[in-house]
Amino acid sequence: MTASPKESVKELKEPFETILEKIEDIVRALESNDVPLDEALAKFEEGVALSRAGTARLEEAERRIEEILKDGSTQPLSKDS
């Protein structure tokens, strides 16, 4: 599934590793200088959306780690935590 640039970060359900791979692919394509401007802009927008989704995943993991260290809980945190 390729995330559209307009897709909400919350709607991206891909694993962090998949997000990272897609960002790396986008960077390689943009660095190749073989991408037309319109396509490069679309790839850049997709990369920004993926970056935001990855950041959200990392922040979620950090909150969970902090909660585990705080109370020793190993229960999954709710999305609202």
Protein backbone atom coordinates (compact mmCIF):
# COMPACT_ATOMS: atom_id res chain seq x y z
CA MET A 1 0.00 0.00 0.00
CA THR A 2 1.44 3.33 -1.02
CA ALA A 3 0.37 6.20 1.18
CA SER A 4 -1.13 9.09 -0.67
CA PRO A 5 0.32 12.44 0.36
CA LYS A 6 -3.08 13.46 1.69
CA GLU A 7 -3.49 10.31 3.79
CA SER A 8 -3.65 11.03 7.50
CA VAL A 9 -0.70 9.87 9.58
CA LYS A 10 -3.18 8.11 11.86
CA GLU A 11 -4.45 6.08 8.88
CA LEU A 12 -1.01 4.65 8.05
CA LYS A 13 -1.04 1.22 9.67
CA GLU A 14 2.20 -0.05 8.18
CA PRO A 15 4.96 -1.32 10.48
CA PHE A 16 7.74 1.11 11.30
CA GLU A 17 10.25 -0.95 9.32
CA THR A 18 8.09 -0.76 6.19
CA ILE A 19 7.73 2.99 6.60
CA LEU A 20 11.50 3.32 6.90
CA GLU A 21 12.10 1.20 3.78
CA LYS A 22 9.67 3.33 1.78
CA ILE A 23 11.37 6.53 2.92
CA GLU A 24 14.75 5.09 1.90
CA ASP A 25 13.32 4.19 -1.54
CA ILE A 26 11.98 7.71 -1.97
CA VAL A 27 15.33 9.25 -1.00
CA ARG A 28 17.16 7.03 -3.49
CA ALA A 29 14.73 8.00 -6.26
CA LEU A 30 15.03 11.70 -5.50
CA GLU A 31 18.82 11.54 -5.27
CA SER A 32 19.01 9.87 -8.68
CA ASN A 33 17.89 13.11 -10.37
CA ASP A 34 16.02 10.96 -12.92
CA VAL A 35 12.57 11.86 -11.59
CA PRO A 36 10.44 14.49 -13.34
CA LEU A 37 9.58 17.50 -11.18
CA ASP A 38 5.91 16.62 -10.68
CA GLU A 39 6.78 13.07 -9.68
CA ALA A 40 9.58 14.31 -7.40
CA LEU A 41 7.15 16.62 -5.64
CA ALA A 42 4.65 13.78 -5.16
CA LYS A 43 7.40 11.53 -3.79
CA PHE A 44 8.55 14.31 -1.45
CA GLU A 45 4.98 14.72 -0.13
CA GLU A 46 4.70 10.97 0.38
CA GLY A 47 8.04 10.97 2.19
CA VAL A 48 6.90 13.73 4.55
CA ALA A 49 3.71 11.80 5.36
CA LEU A 50 5.72 8.62 5.96
CA SER A 51 8.18 10.51 8.12
CA ARG A 52 5.35 11.84 10.27
CA ALA A 53 3.89 8.35 10.59
CA GLY A 54 7.29 6.94 11.59
CA THR A 55 7.76 9.69 14.15
CA ALA A 56 4.34 8.94 15.60
CA ARG A 57 5.24 5.23 15.90
CA LEU A 58 8.50 6.07 17.67
CA GLU A 59 6.73 8.43 20.07
CA GLU A 60 4.16 5.72 20.80
CA ALA A 61 6.94 3.21 21.54
CA GLU A 62 8.69 5.73 23.78
CA ARG A 63 5.48 6.34 25.76
CA ARG A 64 5.02 2.60 26.19
CA ILE A 65 8.61 2.15 27.38
CA GLU A 66 8.22 5.00 29.86
CA GLU A 67 4.99 3.46 31.17
CA ILE A 68 6.61 0.02 31.54
CA LEU A 69 9.55 1.49 33.41
CA LYS A 70 7.23 3.57 35.58
CA ASP A 71 4.94 0.82 36.84
CA GLY A 72 6.38 -2.42 35.53
CA SER A 73 3.29 -3.03 33.41
CA THR A 74 3.64 -5.22 30.36
CA GLN A 75 0.05 -4.73 29.20
CA PRO A 76 -0.39 -2.97 25.85
CA LEU A 77 -1.31 0.67 26.33
CA SER A 78 -4.51 1.95 24.85
CA LYS A 79 -4.24 4.30 21.85
CA ASP A 80 -5.50 7.14 24.07
CA SER A 81 -2.67 6.78 26.60
